Amino acid sequence: MIHSASPRQRSRERGEFSWVTMLLLTSLVGGGYLAVVWGPVYLVRYEAGVVANEFANKAVHNHDDASLVQGLCAKLAGLDQVKFPEPDGSISVVPAVDVRPEDVTWERNATASPPTIRVAFAYTTSVYYPFIDRFTEKTFSIERAQDIQPARW
């Protein structure tokens, strides 16, 4: 005896969408959208940590802490720019990492063994959601502590 497939089974074999396929497709599109929106935000956060490490390394030979902090803030401001909603409803473009020298904790401990430096700051960045035309803010904290004793080869 030959059993034929039910009409429901045959239609799925021909490629009809099921609710599972629609759910997976919706999840894929939503995940891609969030990756496009949030990916650059976290990439800039990573780059800010790299810049903090770079200036902590410069502190090994450069003892002018004020100029190092100024340079750190300038380099952070140049990492990226983001859209920011103004109170009057207009949109402006601002640095993604806007840190002022007074917002940076720069602690050099030359009496420790080995000497150390601690660099810390927090910043709030604007996140824009295209297509739905919404903004949100995200605050990040960066803190680096490291040995600043010159290498002895």
Protein backbone atom coordinates (compact mmCIF):
# COMPACT_ATOMS: atom_id res chain seq x y z
CA MET A 1 0.00 0.00 0.00
CA ILE A 2 1.33 3.43 -0.95
CA HIS A 3 0.77 6.25 1.48
CA SER A 4 0.55 9.68 0.03
CA ALA A 5 1.65 12.70 2.02
CA SER A 6 -1.02 14.97 3.39
CA PRO A 7 -1.56 18.31 1.63
CA ARG A 8 0.00 20.11 4.59
CA GLN A 9 3.25 18.13 4.34
CA ARG A 10 3.44 18.61 0.57
CA SER A 11 3.08 22.39 0.84
CA ARG A 12 5.98 22.62 3.31
CA GLU A 13 8.08 20.53 0.99
CA ARG A 14 7.48 23.12 -1.72
CA GLY A 15 9.02 25.91 0.41
CA GLU A 16 6.10 27.48 2.19
CA PHE A 17 7.07 29.70 5.13
CA SER A 18 6.27 28.44 8.58
CA TRP A 19 6.05 30.52 11.73
CA VAL A 20 9.49 29.20 12.71
CA THR A 21 11.01 30.47 9.47
CA MET A 22 9.37 33.86 9.99
CA LEU A 23 10.65 34.01 13.58
CA LEU A 24 14.20 33.17 12.49
CA LEU A 25 14.10 35.73 9.69
CA THR A 26 12.76 38.43 12.02
CA SER A 27 15.46 37.61 14.60
CA LEU A 28 18.16 37.78 11.94
CA VAL A 29 16.98 41.17 10.65
CA GLY A 30 16.58 42.56 14.19
CA GLY A 31 20.01 41.30 15.24
CA GLY A 32 21.60 42.83 12.14
CA TYR A 33 19.91 46.16 12.85
CA LEU A 34 21.18 46.19 16.44
CA ALA A 35 24.68 45.23 15.27
CA VAL A 36 24.70 48.17 12.85
CA VAL A 37 23.50 50.57 15.58
CA TRP A 38 25.56 49.33 18.55
CA GLY A 39 28.66 47.94 16.81
CA PRO A 40 30.27 51.37 16.21
CA VAL A 41 29.46 52.43 19.79
CA TYR A 42 31.41 49.50 21.25
CA LEU A 43 34.18 49.87 18.67
CA VAL A 44 34.75 53.47 19.83
CA ARG A 45 34.70 52.26 23.46
CA TYR A 46 37.47 49.78 22.59
CA GLU A 47 39.47 52.50 20.81
CA ALA A 48 39.10 54.78 23.85
CA GLY A 49 40.68 52.07 26.00
CA VAL A 50 43.54 51.73 23.52
CA VAL A 51 44.11 55.51 23.64
CA ALA A 52 44.13 55.41 27.46
CA ASN A 53 46.79 52.67 27.31
CA GLU A 54 48.80 54.68 24.79
CA PHE A 55 48.93 57.75 27.03
CA ALA A 56 49.70 55.66 30.12
CA ASN A 57 52.65 54.24 28.17
CA LYS A 58 53.77 57.77 27.22
CA ALA A 59 53.88 58.58 30.95
CA VAL A 60 56.92 56.31 31.31
CA HIS A 61 59.24 58.94 29.82
CA ASN A 62 57.07 62.08 29.79
CA HIS A 63 56.51 63.48 33.29
CA ASP A 64 54.38 66.46 32.20
CA ASP A 65 51.05 65.05 33.34
CA ALA A 66 49.04 68.13 32.35
CA SER A 67 50.15 67.93 28.70
CA LEU A 68 49.52 64.17 28.65
CA VAL A 69 45.95 64.69 29.89
CA GLN A 70 45.40 67.46 27.29
CA GLY A 71 46.71 65.14 24.55
CA LEU A 72 44.52 62.29 25.80
CA CYS A 73 41.39 64.45 25.65
CA ALA A 74 42.24 65.75 22.18
CA LYS A 75 42.86 62.26 20.81
CA LEU A 76 39.65 60.91 22.38
CA ALA A 77 37.63 63.73 20.78
CA GLY A 78 39.02 62.78 17.37
CA LEU A 79 38.00 59.11 17.53
CA ASP A 80 34.50 59.51 16.05
CA GLN A 81 31.52 61.82 15.83
CA VAL A 82 27.88 61.05 16.63
CA LYS A 83 24.52 62.71 16.10
CA PHE A 84 23.16 64.46 19.17
CA PRO A 85 19.64 65.90 19.66
CA GLU A 86 19.62 69.52 20.78
CA PRO A 87 16.91 70.86 23.13
CA ASP A 88 15.41 72.92 20.29
CA GLY A 89 14.85 69.74 18.24
CA SER A 90 17.76 70.18 15.87
CA ILE A 91 20.46 67.55 15.39
CA SER A 92 24.13 68.40 15.85
CA VAL A 93 27.29 66.36 15.36
CA VAL A 94 29.52 66.05 18.44
CA PRO A 95 32.57 63.96 19.40
CA ALA A 96 31.61 60.43 20.45
CA VAL A 97 34.02 60.69 23.40
CA ASP A 98 33.82 64.17 24.88
CA VAL A 99 36.10 64.20 27.93
CA ARG A 100 37.54 67.35 29.50
CA PRO A 101 40.84 67.35 31.40
CA GLU A 102 39.04 67.94 34.70
CA ASP A 103 37.00 64.77 34.07
CA VAL A 104 40.12 62.58 33.84
CA THR A 105 41.60 60.89 36.90
CA TRP A 106 45.36 60.83 36.33
CA GLU A 107 47.25 59.50 39.34
CA ARG A 108 50.99 58.97 39.11
CA ASN A 109 52.50 57.10 42.07
CA ALA A 110 56.25 57.52 41.71
CA THR A 111 56.96 56.27 45.24
CA ALA A 112 55.43 52.83 44.69
CA SER A 113 57.62 49.92 43.75
CA PRO A 114 57.34 49.73 40.77
CA PRO A 115 56.00 53.22 39.94
CA THR A 116 52.45 53.16 38.62
CA ILE A 117 49.98 55.32 36.77
CA ARG A 118 46.19 55.17 36.93
CA VAL A 119 44.10 56.72 34.17
CA ALA A 120 40.33 56.75 34.52
CA PHE A 121 37.44 58.61 32.94
CA ALA A 122 33.78 58.15 32.07
CA TYR A 123 31.93 59.44 29.07
CA THR A 124 28.37 59.42 27.80
CA THR A 125 27.74 58.98 24.10
CA SER A 126 24.61 59.40 22.01
CA VAL A 127 23.25 56.40 20.12
CA TYR A 128 21.02 57.03 17.10
CA TYR A 129 18.52 54.46 15.83
CA PRO A 130 17.99 55.02 12.09
CA PHE A 131 14.56 54.32 10.50
CA ILE A 132 12.78 54.84 13.83
CA ASP A 133 14.50 58.21 14.39
CA ARG A 134 15.19 57.73 18.11
CA PHE A 135 18.14 58.56 20.38
CA THR A 136 19.43 57.00 23.56
CA GLU A 137 22.55 57.55 25.66
CA LYS A 138 25.12 55.08 26.93
CA THR A 139 27.75 55.78 29.58
CA PHE A 140 31.09 53.99 29.57
CA SER A 141 33.87 53.97 32.18
CA ILE A 142 37.48 53.41 31.19
CA GLU A 143 40.14 52.69 33.80
CA ARG A 144 43.73 51.64 33.22
CA ALA A 145 46.46 51.11 35.80
CA GLN A 146 49.94 50.05 34.87
CA ASP A 147 53.58 49.99 35.78
CA ILE A 148 55.55 52.99 34.44
CA GLN A 149 59.01 51.85 35.35
CA PRO A 150 61.34 52.15 32.34
CA ALA A 151 62.38 48.81 30.94
CA ARG A 152 65.89 47.71 31.82
CA TRP A 153 67.33 45.42 29.19
